[in-house]
PDB file of N, CA and C in Angstrom:
ATOM      1  N   MET A   1      -8.844  12.752 -15.321  1.00  0.00           N
ATOM      2  CA  MET A   1      -8.907  12.103 -16.537  1.00  0.00           C
ATOM      3  C   MET A   1      -9.511  11.586 -16.980  1.00  0.00           C
ATOM      4  N   ASP A   2      -8.464  10.460 -18.401  1.00  0.00           N
ATOM      5  CA  ASP A   2      -9.647  10.323 -19.459  1.00  0.00           C
ATOM      6  C   ASP A   2     -10.658   9.425 -18.447  1.00  0.00           C
ATOM      7  N   SER A   3     -11.910   9.124 -19.734  1.00  0.00           N
ATOM      8  CA  SER A   3     -11.802   6.998 -18.577  1.00  0.00           C
ATOM      9  C   SER A   3     -11.020   5.425 -19.102  1.00  0.00           C
ATOM     10  N   GLU A   4      -9.978   5.856 -20.095  1.00  0.00           N
ATOM     11  CA  GLU A   4      -9.072   5.101 -20.270  1.00  0.00           C
ATOM     12  C   GLU A   4      -7.167   4.529 -19.145  1.00  0.00           C
ATOM     13  N   ALA A   5      -7.136   6.556 -18.744  1.00  0.00           N
ATOM     14  CA  ALA A   5      -6.753   6.139 -17.776  1.00  0.00           C
ATOM     15  C   ALA A   5      -7.219   6.029 -16.244  1.00  0.00           C
ATOM     16  N   ALA A   6      -8.432   6.318 -16.779  1.00  0.00           N
ATOM     17  CA  ALA A   6      -9.319   6.210 -15.006  1.00  0.00           C
ATOM     18  C   ALA A   6      -9.002   4.200 -15.135  1.00  0.00           C
ATOM     19  N   ARG A   7      -9.022   3.498 -16.532  1.00  0.00           N
ATOM     20  CA  ARG A   7      -9.363   1.999 -16.290  1.00  0.00           C
ATOM     21  C   ARG A   7      -7.959   2.382 -15.792  1.00  0.00           C
ATOM     22  N   THR A   8      -7.153   2.034 -16.696  1.00  0.00           N
ATOM     23  CA  THR A   8      -5.296   1.461 -16.493  1.00  0.00           C
ATOM     24  C   THR A   8      -5.048   1.803 -14.732  1.00  0.00           C
ATOM     25  N   ALA A   9      -4.991   2.964 -14.657  1.00  0.00           N
ATOM     26  CA  ALA A   9      -5.303   3.335 -12.661  1.00  0.00           C
ATOM     27  C   ALA A   9      -5.414   1.823 -12.076  1.00  0.00           C
ATOM     28  N   ARG A  10      -6.857   1.720 -12.556  1.00  0.00           N
ATOM     29  CA  ARG A  10      -7.398   0.585 -11.687  1.00  0.00           C
ATOM     30  C   ARG A  10      -7.245  -0.770 -11.646  1.00  0.00           C
ATOM     31  N   ASP A  11      -7.188  -0.750 -12.981  1.00  0.00           N
ATOM     32  CA  ASP A  11      -5.764  -2.443 -13.685  1.00  0.00           C
ATOM     33  C   ASP A  11      -4.837  -2.189 -12.856  1.00  0.00           C
ATOM     34  N   SER A  12      -3.917  -1.492 -13.592  1.00  0.00           N
ATOM     35  CA  SER A  12      -2.798  -1.622 -12.058  1.00  0.00           C
ATOM     36  C   SER A  12      -3.525  -1.565 -10.775  1.00  0.00           C
ATOM     37  N   LEU A  13      -3.809  -1.578 -10.549  1.00  0.00           N
ATOM     38  CA  LEU A  13      -4.080  -0.842  -8.251  1.00  0.00           C
ATOM     39  C   LEU A  13      -4.193  -2.324  -7.771  1.00  0.00           C
ATOM     40  N   GLU A  14      -5.498  -3.178  -9.223  1.00  0.00           N
ATOM     41  CA  GLU A  14      -5.629  -4.072  -8.735  1.00  0.00           C
ATOM     42  C   GLU A  14      -4.986  -5.547  -9.246  1.00  0.00           C
ATOM     43  N   LEU A  15      -4.246  -5.071 -10.351  1.00  0.00           N
ATOM     44  CA  LEU A  15      -2.962  -5.665 -10.236  1.00  0.00           C
ATOM     45  C   LEU A  15      -1.374  -5.936  -8.660  1.00  0.00           C
ATOM     46  N   ALA A  16      -1.732  -4.782  -8.209  1.00  0.00           N
ATOM     47  CA  ALA A  16      -0.348  -4.315  -7.150  1.00  0.00           C
ATOM     48  C   ALA A  16      -1.563  -5.363  -6.647  1.00  0.00           C
ATOM     49  N   PHE A  17      -2.227  -5.049  -5.945  1.00  0.00           N
ATOM     50  CA  PHE A  17      -4.001  -6.322  -4.452  1.00  0.00           C
ATOM     51  C   PHE A  17      -2.832  -7.870  -4.636  1.00  0.00           C
ATOM     52  N   GLN A  18      -3.339  -8.199  -5.647  1.00  0.00           N
ATOM     53  CA  GLN A  18      -3.226  -9.205  -6.340  1.00  0.00           C
ATOM     54  C   GLN A  18      -2.108  -9.821  -5.793  1.00  0.00           C
ATOM     55  N   MET A  19      -0.701  -9.782  -6.793  1.00  0.00           N
ATOM     56  CA  MET A  19       0.696  -9.583  -5.290  1.00  0.00           C
ATOM     57  C   MET A  19       0.825  -9.420  -4.596  1.00  0.00           C
ATOM     58  N   SER A  20       0.035  -8.481  -3.534  1.00  0.00           N
ATOM     59  CA  SER A  20      -0.050  -8.363  -2.281  1.00  0.00           C
ATOM     60  C   SER A  20      -1.048  -8.945  -1.360  1.00  0.00           C
ATOM     61  N   ASN A  21      -2.173  -9.607  -1.909  1.00  0.00           N
ATOM     62  CA  ASN A  21      -2.401 -10.596  -1.408  1.00  0.00           C
ATOM     63  C   ASN A  21      -1.136 -11.799  -1.406  1.00  0.00           C
ATOM     64  N   ILE A  22      -0.389 -11.891  -2.589  1.00  0.00           N
ATOM     65  CA  ILE A  22      -0.157 -13.644  -2.613  1.00  0.00           C
ATOM     66  C   ILE A  22       1.251 -13.855  -2.299  1.00  0.00           C
ATOM     67  N   LEU A  23       1.979 -12.884  -1.633  1.00  0.00           N
ATOM     68  CA  LEU A  23       2.466 -12.438  -0.986  1.00  0.00           C
ATOM     69  C   LEU A  23       2.643 -11.797   1.421  1.00  0.00           C
ATOM     70  N   ASP A  24       1.366 -12.031   0.998  1.00  0.00           N
ATOM     71  CA  ASP A  24       0.079 -11.776   2.615  1.00  0.00           C
ATOM     72  C   ASP A  24       0.364 -10.905   2.457  1.00  0.00           C
ATOM     73  N   THR A  25       1.141 -10.051   2.309  1.00  0.00           N
ATOM     74  CA  THR A  25       1.574  -8.316   3.505  1.00  0.00           C
ATOM     75  C   THR A  25       0.464  -8.599   4.123  1.00  0.00           C
ATOM     76  N   GLY A  26      -0.497  -8.703   3.869  1.00  0.00           N
ATOM     77  CA  GLY A  26      -1.555  -7.145   5.009  1.00  0.00           C
ATOM     78  C   GLY A  26      -2.163  -6.326   4.695  1.00  0.00           C
ATOM     79  N   VAL A  27      -1.641  -6.007   3.807  1.00  0.00           N
ATOM     80  CA  VAL A  27      -1.786  -4.117   3.078  1.00  0.00           C
ATOM     81  C   VAL A  27      -2.856  -4.198   2.737  1.00  0.00           C
ATOM     82  N   ASP A  28      -4.113  -3.438   2.985  1.00  0.00           N
ATOM     83  CA  ASP A  28      -5.682  -3.104   2.235  1.00  0.00           C
ATOM     84  C   ASP A  28      -5.491  -2.403   0.962  1.00  0.00           C
ATOM     85  N   ARG A  29      -6.949  -2.162   0.202  1.00  0.00           N
ATOM     86  CA  ARG A  29      -6.463  -2.181  -1.412  1.00  0.00           C
ATOM     87  C   ARG A  29      -6.467  -0.860  -0.867  1.00  0.00           C
ATOM     88  N   HIS A  30      -7.385   0.414  -0.413  1.00  0.00           N
ATOM     89  CA  HIS A  30      -7.324   1.972   0.630  1.00  0.00           C
ATOM     90  C   HIS A  30      -5.273   2.264   1.538  1.00  0.00           C
ATOM     91  N   THR A  31      -4.575   1.282   2.049  1.00  0.00           N
ATOM     92  CA  THR A  31      -3.184   1.566   1.681  1.00  0.00           C
ATOM     93  C   THR A  31      -2.566   1.735   1.183  1.00  0.00           C
ATOM     94  N   LEU A  32      -2.616  -0.346   0.167  1.00  0.00           N
ATOM     95  CA  LEU A  32      -2.079   0.042  -1.513  1.00  0.00           C
ATOM     96  C   LEU A  32      -2.027   0.681  -2.288  1.00  0.00           C
ATOM     97  N   SER A  33      -3.504   2.021  -2.681  1.00  0.00           N
ATOM     98  CA  SER A  33      -3.940   3.159  -3.369  1.00  0.00           C
ATOM     99  C   SER A  33      -2.325   4.092  -2.489  1.00  0.00           C
ATOM    100  N   VAL A  34      -3.001   4.233  -0.801  1.00  0.00           N
ATOM    101  CA  VAL A  34      -2.235   4.701  -0.576  1.00  0.00           C
ATOM    102  C   VAL A  34      -0.661   5.204  -1.097  1.00  0.00           C
ATOM    103  N   LEU A  35       0.053   4.015  -0.389  1.00  0.00           N
ATOM    104  CA  LEU A  35       1.682   4.086  -0.755  1.00  0.00           C
ATOM    105  C   LEU A  35       1.604   3.828  -2.447  1.00  0.00           C
ATOM    106  N   ILE A  36       1.053   3.354  -3.289  1.00  0.00           N
ATOM    107  CA  ILE A  36       1.542   3.652  -4.504  1.00  0.00           C
ATOM    108  C   ILE A  36       0.910   5.431  -4.606  1.00  0.00           C
ATOM    109  N   ALA A  37       0.812   5.718  -4.428  1.00  0.00           N
ATOM    110  CA  ALA A  37       0.310   7.671  -4.485  1.00  0.00           C
ATOM    111  C   ALA A  37       2.054   8.489  -3.414  1.00  0.00           C
ATOM    112  N   LEU A  38       2.261   7.796  -3.070  1.00  0.00           N
ATOM    113  CA  LEU A  38       2.850   9.067  -1.943  1.00  0.00           C
ATOM    114  C   LEU A  38       4.864   8.212  -3.319  1.00  0.00           C
ATOM    115  N   CYS A  39       4.499   6.859  -3.398  1.00  0.00           N
ATOM    116  CA  CYS A  39       5.510   6.474  -3.997  1.00  0.00           C
ATOM    117  C   CYS A  39       5.590   7.536  -5.607  1.00  0.00           C
ATOM    118  N   ASP A  40       4.180   8.059  -6.007  1.00  0.00           N
ATOM    119  CA  ASP A  40       4.625   8.163  -6.994  1.00  0.00           C
ATOM    120  C   ASP A  40       4.976   9.753  -7.511  1.00  0.00           C
ATOM    121  N   LEU A  41       4.450  10.312  -6.186  1.00  0.00           N
ATOM    122  CA  LEU A  41       4.955  11.579  -5.746  1.00  0.00           C
ATOM    123  C   LEU A  41       6.787  11.966  -5.592  1.00  0.00           C
ATOM    124  N   GLY A  42       7.152  10.360  -5.516  1.00  0.00           N
ATOM    125  CA  GLY A  42       8.630  10.904  -5.047  1.00  0.00           C
ATOM    126  C   GLY A  42       9.119  10.064  -3.950  1.00  0.00           C
ATOM    127  N   LEU A  43       8.232   9.137  -3.259  1.00  0.00           N
ATOM    128  CA  LEU A  43       8.931   8.653  -1.697  1.00  0.00           C
ATOM    129  C   LEU A  43       9.021   7.232  -1.852  1.00  0.00           C
ATOM    130  N   ASN A  44      10.832   7.285  -0.369  1.00  0.00           N
ATOM    131  CA  ASN A  44      11.639   6.272  -0.921  1.00  0.00           C
ATOM    132  C   ASN A  44      10.500   4.874  -1.081  1.00  0.00           C
ATOM    133  N   PRO A  45      10.775   4.564  -1.455  1.00  0.00           N
ATOM    134  CA  PRO A  45       9.694   2.841  -1.014  1.00  0.00           C
ATOM    135  C   PRO A  45      10.054   1.781  -0.554  1.00  0.00           C
ATOM    136  N   GLU A  46      11.484   2.033   0.096  1.00  0.00           N
ATOM    137  CA  GLU A  46      11.749   0.813   0.964  1.00  0.00           C
ATOM    138  C   GLU A  46      11.722   1.565   2.591  1.00  0.00           C
ATOM    139  N   ALA A  47      11.830   2.685   2.336  1.00  0.00           N
ATOM    140  CA  ALA A  47      11.629   3.409   3.403  1.00  0.00           C
ATOM    141  C   ALA A  47      10.099   3.621   4.019  1.00  0.00           C
ATOM    142  N   LEU A  48       9.297   3.677   2.877  1.00  0.00           N
ATOM    143  CA  LEU A  48       7.738   3.686   3.208  1.00  0.00           C
ATOM    144  C   LEU A  48       7.732   2.106   3.711  1.00  0.00           C
ATOM    145  N   ALA A  49       8.013   1.138   3.335  1.00  0.00           N
ATOM    146  CA  ALA A  49       8.197   0.290   3.876  1.00  0.00           C
ATOM    147  C   ALA A  49       8.356   0.007   5.823  1.00  0.00           C
ATOM    148  N   ALA A  50       9.854   0.530   5.312  1.00  0.00           N
ATOM    149  CA  ALA A  50      10.278   0.224   7.155  1.00  0.00           C
ATOM    150  C   ALA A  50       8.925   1.366   7.691  1.00  0.00           C
ATOM    151  N   VAL A  51       8.576   2.121   7.898  1.00  0.00           N
ATOM    152  CA  VAL A  51       7.551   2.836   8.199  1.00  0.00           C
ATOM    153  C   VAL A  51       6.405   1.984   8.685  1.00  0.00           C
ATOM    154  N   VAL A  52       6.207   1.300   7.444  1.00  0.00           N
ATOM    155  CA  VAL A  52       4.334   0.572   7.745  1.00  0.00           C
ATOM    156  C   VAL A  52       4.810  -0.757   8.697  1.00  0.00           C
ATOM    157  N   LYS A  53       6.361  -1.569   8.211  1.00  0.00           N
ATOM    158  CA  LYS A  53       6.900  -2.402   9.051  1.00  0.00           C
ATOM    159  C   LYS A  53       6.876  -1.987  11.044  1.00  0.00           C
ATOM    160  N   GLU A  54       6.989  -0.435  11.268  1.00  0.00           N
ATOM    161  CA  GLU A  54       7.107  -0.188  12.721  1.00  0.00           C
ATOM    162  C   GLU A  54       5.443   0.502  13.260  1.00  0.00           C
ATOM    163  N   LEU A  55       5.402   0.473  11.958  1.00  0.00           N
ATOM    164  CA  LEU A  55       3.738   0.411  12.545  1.00  0.00           C
ATOM    165  C   LEU A  55       2.762  -0.380  13.467  1.00  0.00           C
ATOM    166  N   ARG A  56       3.522  -1.454  12.201  1.00  0.00           N
ATOM    167  CA  ARG A  56       2.053  -2.905  12.832  1.00  0.00           C
ATOM    168  C   ARG A  56       3.121  -3.258  14.362  1.00  0.00           C
ATOM    169  N   THR A  57       4.384  -2.306  13.785  1.00  0.00           N
ATOM    170  CA  THR A  57       5.143  -3.884  15.080  1.00  0.00           C
ATOM    171  C   THR A  57       4.947  -2.300  16.599  1.00  0.00           C
ATOM    172  N   ASP A  58       5.036  -1.836  16.755  1.00  0.00           N
ATOM    173  CA  ASP A  58       5.391  -0.798  17.972  1.00  0.00           C
ATOM    174  C   ASP A  58       4.092  -0.334  18.069  1.00  0.00           C
ATOM    175  N   PRO A  59       3.210  -1.206  19.988  1.00  0.00           N
ATOM    176  CA  PRO A  59       2.788  -1.565  20.086  1.00  0.00           C
ATOM    177  C   PRO A  59       1.585   0.927  21.134  1.00  0.00           C
ATOM    178  N   SER A  60       2.978   1.373  21.163  1.00  0.00           N
ATOM    179  CA  SER A  60       3.037   2.220  21.501  1.00  0.00           C
ATOM    180  C   SER A  60       1.709   3.029  20.289  1.00  0.00           C
ATOM    181  N   LEU A  61       2.116   3.018  19.294  1.00  0.00           N
ATOM    182  CA  LEU A  61       1.555   3.568  18.364  1.00  0.00           C
ATOM    183  C   LEU A  61       0.376   3.014  17.456  1.00  0.00           C
ATOM    184  N   PRO A  62      -1.110   4.338  18.085  1.00  0.00           N
ATOM    185  CA  PRO A  62      -2.448   4.239  17.772  1.00  0.00           C
ATOM    186  C   PRO A  62      -2.095   3.464  16.004  1.00  0.00           C
ATOM    187  N   SER A  63      -3.000   2.232  15.117  1.00  0.00           N
ATOM    188  CA  SER A  63      -2.216   2.200  13.705  1.00  0.00           C
ATOM    189  C   SER A  63      -4.151   1.145  13.496  1.00  0.00           C
ATOM    190  N   THR A  64      -4.247   1.739  12.346  1.00  0.00           N
ATOM    191  CA  THR A  64      -5.435   1.552  11.712  1.00  0.00           C
ATOM    192  C   THR A  64      -4.798   0.139  10.925  1.00  0.00           C
ATOM    193  N   ILE A  65      -3.575  -0.052  10.809  1.00  0.00           N
ATOM    194  CA  ILE A  65      -3.102  -1.371   9.606  1.00  0.00           C
ATOM    195  C   ILE A  65      -3.063  -2.446  10.748  1.00  0.00           C
ATOM    196  N   PRO A  66      -3.977  -4.007  10.568  1.00  0.00           N
ATOM    197  CA  PRO A  66      -3.266  -3.763  11.506  1.00  0.00           C
ATOM    198  C   PRO A  66      -2.291  -5.121  11.420  1.00  0.00           C
ATOM    199  N   PRO A  67      -1.615  -5.875  12.206  1.00  0.00           N
ATOM    200  CA  PRO A  67       0.180  -6.751  12.285  1.00  0.00           C
ATOM    201  C   PRO A  67      -0.143  -8.320  12.214  1.00  0.00           C
ATOM    202  N   ASP A  68       1.066  -8.443  11.192  1.00  0.00           N
ATOM    203  CA  ASP A  68       1.147  -9.263  10.520  1.00  0.00           C
ATOM    204  C   ASP A  68       0.485 -10.546  11.124  1.00  0.00           C
ATOM    205  N   SER A  69      -0.149 -11.276  10.618  1.00  0.00           N
ATOM    206  CA  SER A  69      -0.710 -12.435  11.652  1.00  0.00           C
ATOM    207  C   SER A  69       0.351 -14.014  11.757  1.00  0.00           C
TER     208      SER A  69
END
């Protein structure tokens, strides 16, 4: 990846992270990066959102994603 593409990717992630914070999603920058990469690979964003939501609400599942406040 050339430096311009890397800069664009970082800027895009930063913008998405700022939007995530405004929407108070509680998703950290690394998790957001992984979710974006999965979407880029063709996974359904709504399905990913449902998985994240389930991981946050099911106490029997180990999770590093903190529940919403």
